[in-house]
């Protein structure tokens, strides 16, 4: 049982390391999209600036981004 727990810990640690690396890339650049795993998972950022035409949640920007980067297959979108 300990080995299975250790294996899952290393798998989660690797995914966290990948996520942290992507966050570092996207924070320090003008990129709006960083692939996490090939083109199956992406990390995107939404500009923090608001105009009078945007809602504070940037819902229009989010829907536009999802439309532009859609593959046309069944997909899941996770917003954090």
PDB file of N, CA and C in Angstrom:
ATOM      1  N   UNK A   1       0.814  -1.189   0.000  1.00  0.00           N
ATOM      2  CA  UNK A   1       0.000   0.000   0.000  1.00  0.00           C
ATOM      3  C   UNK A   1       0.864   1.261   0.000  1.00  0.00           C
ATOM      4  N   UNK A   2       1.994   1.236   0.712  1.00  0.00           N
ATOM      5  CA  UNK A   2       2.861   2.409   0.756  1.00  0.00           C
ATOM      6  C   UNK A   2       3.398   2.761  -0.622  1.00  0.00           C
ATOM      7  N   UNK A   3       3.717   1.743  -1.400  1.00  0.00           N
ATOM      8  CA  UNK A   3       4.286   2.000  -2.714  1.00  0.00           C
ATOM      9  C   UNK A   3       3.278   2.704  -3.615  1.00  0.00           C
ATOM     10  N   UNK A   4       2.035   2.266  -3.590  1.00  0.00           N
ATOM     11  CA  UNK A   4       0.999   2.902  -4.405  1.00  0.00           C
ATOM     12  C   UNK A   4       0.831   4.364  -4.010  1.00  0.00           C
ATOM     13  N   UNK A   5       0.889   4.629  -2.736  1.00  0.00           N
ATOM     14  CA  UNK A   5       0.769   6.000  -2.256  1.00  0.00           C
ATOM     15  C   UNK A   5       1.965   6.826  -2.711  1.00  0.00           C
ATOM     16  N   UNK A   6       3.150   6.258  -2.657  1.00  0.00           N
ATOM     17  CA  UNK A   6       4.348   6.958  -3.106  1.00  0.00           C
ATOM     18  C   UNK A   6       4.320   7.232  -4.593  1.00  0.00           C
ATOM     19  N   UNK A   7       3.805   6.269  -5.379  1.00  0.00           N
ATOM     20  CA  UNK A   7       3.698   6.459  -6.823  1.00  0.00           C
ATOM     21  C   UNK A   7       2.728   7.582  -7.155  1.00  0.00           C
ATOM     22  N   UNK A   8       1.599   7.623  -6.462  1.00  0.00           N
ATOM     23  CA  UNK A   8       0.628   8.676  -6.746  1.00  0.00           C
ATOM     24  C   UNK A   8       1.167  10.033  -6.298  1.00  0.00           C
ATOM     25  N   UNK A   9       1.943  10.052  -5.226  1.00  0.00           N
ATOM     26  CA  UNK A   9       2.554  11.307  -4.779  1.00  0.00           C
ATOM     27  C   UNK A   9       3.504  11.840  -5.843  1.00  0.00           C
ATOM     28  N   UNK A  10       4.339  10.988  -6.418  1.00  0.00           N
ATOM     29  CA  UNK A  10       5.286  11.450  -7.434  1.00  0.00           C
ATOM     30  C   UNK A  10       4.555  11.890  -8.699  1.00  0.00           C
ATOM     31  N   UNK A  11       3.446  11.229  -9.032  1.00  0.00           N
ATOM     32  CA  UNK A  11       2.668  11.637 -10.204  1.00  0.00           C
ATOM     33  C   UNK A  11       2.071  13.026  -9.992  1.00  0.00           C
ATOM     34  N   UNK A  12       1.536  13.274  -8.805  1.00  0.00           N
ATOM     35  CA  UNK A  12       0.972  14.586  -8.497  1.00  0.00           C
ATOM     36  C   UNK A  12       2.081  15.630  -8.433  1.00  0.00           C
ATOM     37  N   UNK A  13       3.215  15.278  -7.861  1.00  0.00           N
ATOM     38  CA  UNK A  13       4.340  16.211  -7.768  1.00  0.00           C
ATOM     39  C   UNK A  13       4.823  16.615  -9.158  1.00  0.00           C
ATOM     40  N   UNK A  14       4.877  15.665 -10.088  1.00  0.00           N
ATOM     41  CA  UNK A  14       5.291  15.982 -11.459  1.00  0.00           C
ATOM     42  C   UNK A  14       4.295  16.916 -12.133  1.00  0.00           C
ATOM     43  N   UNK A  15       3.009  16.683 -11.931  1.00  0.00           N
ATOM     44  CA  UNK A  15       1.986  17.547 -12.527  1.00  0.00           C
ATOM     45  C   UNK A  15       2.038  18.942 -11.927  1.00  0.00           C
ATOM     46  N   UNK A  16       2.282  19.035 -10.634  1.00  0.00           N
ATOM     47  CA  UNK A  16       2.394  20.334  -9.981  1.00  0.00           C
ATOM     48  C   UNK A  16       3.617  21.092 -10.489  1.00  0.00           C
ATOM     49  N   UNK A  17       4.715  20.387 -10.679  1.00  0.00           N
ATOM     50  CA  UNK A  17       5.926  21.002 -11.222  1.00  0.00           C
ATOM     51  C   UNK A  17       5.668  21.545 -12.631  1.00  0.00           C
ATOM     52  N   UNK A  18       4.960  20.784 -13.453  1.00  0.00           N
ATOM     53  CA  UNK A  18       4.612  21.206 -14.805  1.00  0.00           C
ATOM     54  C   UNK A  18       3.718  22.441 -14.770  1.00  0.00           C
ATOM     55  N   UNK A  19       2.732  22.448 -13.885  1.00  0.00           N
ATOM     56  CA  UNK A  19       1.831  23.590 -13.744  1.00  0.00           C
ATOM     57  C   UNK A  19       2.595  24.838 -13.290  1.00  0.00           C
ATOM     58  N   UNK A  20       3.466  24.688 -12.301  1.00  0.00           N
ATOM     59  CA  UNK A  20       4.258  25.824 -11.813  1.00  0.00           C
ATOM     60  C   UNK A  20       5.150  26.388 -12.910  1.00  0.00           C
ATOM     61  N   UNK A  21       5.739  25.519 -13.709  1.00  0.00           N
ATOM     62  CA  UNK A  21       6.583  25.955 -14.820  1.00  0.00           C
ATOM     63  C   UNK A  21       5.763  26.747 -15.843  1.00  0.00           C
ATOM     64  N   UNK A  22       4.574  26.268 -16.151  1.00  0.00           N
ATOM     65  CA  UNK A  22       3.697  26.972 -17.094  1.00  0.00           C
ATOM     66  C   UNK A  22       3.272  28.321 -16.531  1.00  0.00           C
ATOM     67  N   UNK A  23       2.990  28.379 -15.238  1.00  0.00           N
ATOM     68  CA  UNK A  23       2.621  29.652 -14.614  1.00  0.00           C
ATOM     69  C   UNK A  23       3.764  30.652 -14.704  1.00  0.00           C
ATOM     70  N   UNK A  24       4.993  30.194 -14.499  1.00  0.00           N
ATOM     71  CA  UNK A  24       6.150  31.074 -14.617  1.00  0.00           C
ATOM     72  C   UNK A  24       6.293  31.598 -16.039  1.00  0.00           C
ATOM     73  N   UNK A  25       6.060  30.739 -17.029  1.00  0.00           N
ATOM     74  CA  UNK A  25       6.168  31.155 -18.428  1.00  0.00           C
ATOM     75  C   UNK A  25       5.107  32.182 -18.790  1.00  0.00           C
ATOM     76  N   UNK A  26       3.900  31.960 -18.341  1.00  0.00           N
ATOM     77  CA  UNK A  26       2.802  32.836 -18.740  1.00  0.00           C
ATOM     78  C   UNK A  26       2.827  34.163 -17.980  1.00  0.00           C
ATOM     79  N   UNK A  27       3.347  34.178 -16.761  1.00  0.00           N
ATOM     80  CA  UNK A  27       3.419  35.414 -15.979  1.00  0.00           C
ATOM     81  C   UNK A  27       4.439  36.385 -16.555  1.00  0.00           C
ATOM     82  N   UNK A  28       5.549  35.875 -17.024  1.00  0.00           N
ATOM     83  CA  UNK A  28       6.628  36.744 -17.455  1.00  0.00           C
ATOM     84  C   UNK A  28       6.647  37.033 -18.941  1.00  0.00           C
ATOM     85  N   UNK A  29       5.529  36.835 -19.641  1.00  0.00           N
ATOM     86  CA  UNK A  29       5.553  37.058 -21.081  1.00  0.00           C
ATOM     87  C   UNK A  29       4.230  37.628 -21.551  1.00  0.00           C
ATOM     88  N   UNK A  30       4.178  37.903 -22.838  1.00  0.00           N
ATOM     89  CA  UNK A  30       2.952  38.400 -23.435  1.00  0.00           C
ATOM     90  C   UNK A  30       2.082  37.262 -23.953  1.00  0.00           C
ATOM     91  N   UNK A  31       2.503  36.035 -23.728  1.00  0.00           N
ATOM     92  CA  UNK A  31       1.738  34.887 -24.201  1.00  0.00           C
ATOM     93  C   UNK A  31       0.387  34.827 -23.518  1.00  0.00           C
ATOM     94  N   UNK A  32      -0.610  34.371 -24.252  1.00  0.00           N
ATOM     95  CA  UNK A  32      -1.911  34.183 -23.629  1.00  0.00           C
ATOM     96  C   UNK A  32      -2.241  32.712 -23.469  1.00  0.00           C
ATOM     97  N   UNK A  33      -1.365  31.835 -23.976  1.00  0.00           N
ATOM     98  CA  UNK A  33      -1.623  30.405 -23.915  1.00  0.00           C
ATOM     99  C   UNK A  33      -0.312  29.645 -23.782  1.00  0.00           C
ATOM    100  N   UNK A  34      -0.262  28.729 -22.846  1.00  0.00           N
ATOM    101  CA  UNK A  34       0.900  27.860 -22.666  1.00  0.00           C
ATOM    102  C   UNK A  34       0.390  26.427 -22.618  1.00  0.00           C
ATOM    103  N   UNK A  35       0.893  25.559 -23.511  1.00  0.00           N
ATOM    104  CA  UNK A  35       0.450  24.163 -23.457  1.00  0.00           C
ATOM    105  C   UNK A  35       1.043  23.451 -22.246  1.00  0.00           C
ATOM    106  N   UNK A  36       0.216  22.698 -21.552  1.00  0.00           N
ATOM    107  CA  UNK A  36       0.690  21.919 -20.410  1.00  0.00           C
ATOM    108  C   UNK A  36       1.085  20.518 -20.841  1.00  0.00           C
ATOM    109  N   UNK A  37       0.265  19.910 -21.674  1.00  0.00           N
ATOM    110  CA  UNK A  37       0.543  18.561 -22.145  1.00  0.00           C
ATOM    111  C   UNK A  37       0.171  18.508 -23.612  1.00  0.00           C
ATOM    112  N   UNK A  38       1.192  18.594 -24.454  1.00  0.00           N
ATOM    113  CA  UNK A  38       0.997  18.649 -25.903  1.00  0.00           C
ATOM    114  C   UNK A  38      -0.080  19.687 -26.188  1.00  0.00           C
ATOM    115  N   UNK A  39      -1.114  19.309 -26.901  1.00  0.00           N
ATOM    116  CA  UNK A  39      -2.220  20.244 -27.118  1.00  0.00           C
ATOM    117  C   UNK A  39      -3.487  19.754 -26.439  1.00  0.00           C
ATOM    118  N   UNK A  40      -3.326  18.836 -25.492  1.00  0.00           N
ATOM    119  CA  UNK A  40      -4.480  18.285 -24.795  1.00  0.00           C
ATOM    120  C   UNK A  40      -4.894  19.135 -23.606  1.00  0.00           C
ATOM    121  N   UNK A  41      -3.976  19.857 -23.024  1.00  0.00           N
ATOM    122  CA  UNK A  41      -4.279  20.722 -21.881  1.00  0.00           C
ATOM    123  C   UNK A  41      -3.492  22.011 -22.038  1.00  0.00           C
ATOM    124  N   UNK A  42      -4.168  23.123 -21.856  1.00  0.00           N
ATOM    125  CA  UNK A  42      -3.541  24.431 -21.995  1.00  0.00           C
ATOM    126  C   UNK A  42      -3.841  25.285 -20.779  1.00  0.00           C
ATOM    127  N   UNK A  43      -2.936  26.202 -20.514  1.00  0.00           N
ATOM    128  CA  UNK A  43      -3.125  27.187 -19.460  1.00  0.00           C
ATOM    129  C   UNK A  43      -3.231  28.536 -20.154  1.00  0.00           C
ATOM    130  N   UNK A  44      -4.271  29.279 -19.853  1.00  0.00           N
ATOM    131  CA  UNK A  44      -4.480  30.572 -20.497  1.00  0.00           C
ATOM    132  C   UNK A  44      -4.623  31.658 -19.449  1.00  0.00           C
ATOM    133  N   UNK A  45      -4.258  32.869 -19.839  1.00  0.00           N
ATOM    134  CA  UNK A  45      -4.451  33.990 -18.926  1.00  0.00           C
ATOM    135  C   UNK A  45      -5.359  35.016 -19.588  1.00  0.00           C
ATOM    136  N   UNK A  46      -6.103  35.690 -18.768  1.00  0.00           N
ATOM    137  CA  UNK A  46      -6.982  36.747 -19.237  1.00  0.00           C
ATOM    138  C   UNK A  46      -6.432  38.053 -18.690  1.00  0.00           C
ATOM    139  N   UNK A  47      -6.374  39.046 -19.542  1.00  0.00           N
ATOM    140  CA  UNK A  47      -5.834  40.342 -19.166  1.00  0.00           C
ATOM    141  C   UNK A  47      -6.586  40.908 -17.968  1.00  0.00           C
ATOM    142  N   UNK A  48      -5.864  41.483 -17.042  1.00  0.00           N
ATOM    143  CA  UNK A  48      -6.467  42.006 -15.812  1.00  0.00           C
ATOM    144  C   UNK A  48      -7.140  43.362 -16.015  1.00  0.00           C
ATOM    145  N   UNK A  49      -6.851  44.022 -17.121  1.00  0.00           N
ATOM    146  CA  UNK A  49      -7.436  45.339 -17.364  1.00  0.00           C
ATOM    147  C   UNK A  49      -8.916  45.211 -17.708  1.00  0.00           C
ATOM    148  N   UNK A  50      -9.686  46.129 -17.195  1.00  0.00           N
ATOM    149  CA  UNK A  50     -11.117  46.166 -17.497  1.00  0.00           C
ATOM    150  C   UNK A  50     -11.425  47.441 -18.258  1.00  0.00           C
ATOM    151  N   UNK A  51     -12.321  47.345 -19.191  1.00  0.00           N
ATOM    152  CA  UNK A  51     -12.813  48.552 -19.842  1.00  0.00           C
ATOM    153  C   UNK A  51     -14.288  48.683 -19.517  1.00  0.00           C
ATOM    154  N   UNK A  52     -14.881  49.735 -19.959  1.00  0.00           N
ATOM    155  CA  UNK A  52     -16.301  49.915 -19.656  1.00  0.00           C
ATOM    156  C   UNK A  52     -17.174  48.908 -20.394  1.00  0.00           C
ATOM    157  N   UNK A  53     -16.587  48.222 -21.393  1.00  0.00           N
ATOM    158  CA  UNK A  53     -17.352  47.244 -22.162  1.00  0.00           C
ATOM    159  C   UNK A  53     -17.186  45.828 -21.627  1.00  0.00           C
ATOM    160  N   UNK A  54     -16.293  45.642 -20.690  1.00  0.00           N
ATOM    161  CA  UNK A  54     -16.056  44.314 -20.119  1.00  0.00           C
ATOM    162  C   UNK A  54     -16.696  44.205 -18.748  1.00  0.00           C
ATOM    163  N   UNK A  55     -17.111  43.018 -18.431  1.00  0.00           N
ATOM    164  CA  UNK A  55     -17.550  42.746 -17.069  1.00  0.00           C
ATOM    165  C   UNK A  55     -16.308  42.395 -16.259  1.00  0.00           C
ATOM    166  N   UNK A  56     -16.333  42.546 -14.955  1.00  0.00           N
ATOM    167  CA  UNK A  56     -15.156  42.186 -14.153  1.00  0.00           C
ATOM    168  C   UNK A  56     -14.737  40.723 -14.315  1.00  0.00           C
ATOM    169  N   UNK A  57     -15.673  39.865 -14.692  1.00  0.00           N
ATOM    170  CA  UNK A  57     -15.329  38.446 -14.853  1.00  0.00           C
ATOM    171  C   UNK A  57     -14.699  38.153 -16.209  1.00  0.00           C
ATOM    172  N   UNK A  58     -14.747  39.099 -17.128  1.00  0.00           N
ATOM    173  CA  UNK A  58     -14.211  38.925 -18.488  1.00  0.00           C
ATOM    174  C   UNK A  58     -14.866  37.753 -19.212  1.00  0.00           C
ATOM    175  N   UNK A  59     -16.161  37.562 -19.015  1.00  0.00           N
ATOM    176  CA  UNK A  59     -16.830  36.400 -19.611  1.00  0.00           C
ATOM    177  C   UNK A  59     -16.772  36.423 -21.132  1.00  0.00           C
ATOM    178  N   UNK A  60     -16.781  37.601 -21.752  1.00  0.00           N
ATOM    179  CA  UNK A  60     -16.691  37.664 -23.212  1.00  0.00           C
ATOM    180  C   UNK A  60     -15.309  37.225 -23.686  1.00  0.00           C
ATOM    181  N   UNK A  61     -14.292  37.616 -22.968  1.00  0.00           N
ATOM    182  CA  UNK A  61     -12.934  37.210 -23.315  1.00  0.00           C
ATOM    183  C   UNK A  61     -12.772  35.706 -23.168  1.00  0.00           C
ATOM    184  N   UNK A  62     -13.329  35.163 -22.123  1.00  0.00           N
ATOM    185  CA  UNK A  62     -13.227  33.723 -21.884  1.00  0.00           C
ATOM    186  C   UNK A  62     -13.917  32.926 -22.989  1.00  0.00           C
ATOM    187  N   UNK A  63     -15.138  33.318 -23.354  1.00  0.00           N
ATOM    188  CA  UNK A  63     -15.844  32.579 -24.403  1.00  0.00           C
ATOM    189  C   UNK A  63     -15.142  32.726 -25.749  1.00  0.00           C
ATOM    190  N   UNK A  64     -14.589  33.894 -26.034  1.00  0.00           N
ATOM    191  CA  UNK A  64     -13.846  34.101 -27.286  1.00  0.00           C
ATOM    192  C   UNK A  64     -12.596  33.224 -27.312  1.00  0.00           C
ATOM    193  N   UNK A  65     -11.910  33.151 -26.195  1.00  0.00           N
ATOM    194  CA  UNK A  65     -10.700  32.339 -26.117  1.00  0.00           C
ATOM    195  C   UNK A  65     -11.013  30.863 -26.340  1.00  0.00           C
ATOM    196  N   UNK A  66     -12.074  30.371 -25.703  1.00  0.00           N
ATOM    197  CA  UNK A  66     -12.450  28.960 -25.851  1.00  0.00           C
ATOM    198  C   UNK A  66     -12.826  28.672 -27.298  1.00  0.00           C
ATOM    199  N   UNK A  67     -13.568  29.579 -27.930  1.00  0.00           N
ATOM    200  CA  UNK A  67     -13.941  29.401 -29.336  1.00  0.00           C
ATOM    201  C   UNK A  67     -12.716  29.349 -30.242  1.00  0.00           C
ATOM    202  N   UNK A  68     -11.778  30.252 -30.029  1.00  0.00           N
ATOM    203  CA  UNK A  68     -10.588  30.342 -30.889  1.00  0.00           C
ATOM    204  C   UNK A  68      -9.678  29.125 -30.753  1.00  0.00           C
ATOM    205  N   UNK A  69      -9.624  28.519 -29.594  1.00  0.00           N
ATOM    206  CA  UNK A  69      -8.698  27.416 -29.352  1.00  0.00           C
ATOM    207  C   UNK A  69      -9.390  26.056 -29.296  1.00  0.00           C
ATOM    208  N   UNK A  70     -10.623  26.001 -29.758  1.00  0.00           N
ATOM    209  CA  UNK A  70     -11.365  24.742 -29.747  1.00  0.00           C
ATOM    210  C   UNK A  70     -10.858  23.811 -30.841  1.00  0.00           C
ATOM    211  N   UNK A  71     -10.858  22.522 -30.546  1.00  0.00           N
ATOM    212  CA  UNK A  71     -10.427  21.528 -31.533  1.00  0.00           C
ATOM    213  C   UNK A  71     -11.607  20.949 -32.295  1.00  0.00           C
ATOM    214  N   UNK A  72     -12.816  21.258 -31.875  1.00  0.00           N
ATOM    215  CA  UNK A  72     -13.990  20.730 -32.538  1.00  0.00           C
ATOM    216  C   UNK A  72     -14.418  19.368 -32.023  1.00  0.00           C
ATOM    217  N   UNK A  73     -13.698  18.841 -31.064  1.00  0.00           N
ATOM    218  CA  UNK A  73     -14.036  17.553 -30.456  1.00  0.00           C
ATOM    219  C   UNK A  73     -14.645  17.805 -29.083  1.00  0.00           C
ATOM    220  N   UNK A  74     -15.067  16.737 -28.419  1.00  0.00           N
ATOM    221  CA  UNK A  74     -15.572  16.879 -27.052  1.00  0.00           C
ATOM    222  C   UNK A  74     -14.451  17.398 -26.162  1.00  0.00           C
ATOM    223  N   UNK A  75     -14.725  18.472 -25.441  1.00  0.00           N
ATOM    224  CA  UNK A  75     -13.701  19.101 -24.611  1.00  0.00           C
ATOM    225  C   UNK A  75     -14.284  19.478 -23.257  1.00  0.00           C
ATOM    226  N   UNK A  76     -13.396  19.700 -22.319  1.00  0.00           N
ATOM    227  CA  UNK A  76     -13.767  20.188 -20.995  1.00  0.00           C
ATOM    228  C   UNK A  76     -13.005  21.475 -20.744  1.00  0.00           C
ATOM    229  N   UNK A  77     -13.670  22.445 -20.146  1.00  0.00           N
ATOM    230  CA  UNK A  77     -13.041  23.710 -19.799  1.00  0.00           C
ATOM    231  C   UNK A  77     -13.116  23.849 -18.286  1.00  0.00           C
ATOM    232  N   UNK A  78     -11.967  24.087 -17.665  1.00  0.00           N
ATOM    233  CA  UNK A  78     -11.896  24.279 -16.221  1.00  0.00           C
ATOM    234  C   UNK A  78     -11.465  25.718 -15.983  1.00  0.00           C
ATOM    235  N   UNK A  79     -12.245  26.451 -15.215  1.00  0.00           N
ATOM    236  CA  UNK A  79     -11.943  27.849 -14.925  1.00  0.00           C
ATOM    237  C   UNK A  79     -11.596  27.959 -13.455  1.00  0.00           C
ATOM    238  N   UNK A  80     -10.447  28.570 -13.171  1.00  0.00           N
ATOM    239  CA  UNK A  80     -10.023  28.763 -11.780  1.00  0.00           C
ATOM    240  C   UNK A  80      -9.773  30.224 -11.534  1.00  0.00           C
TER     241      UNK A  80
END
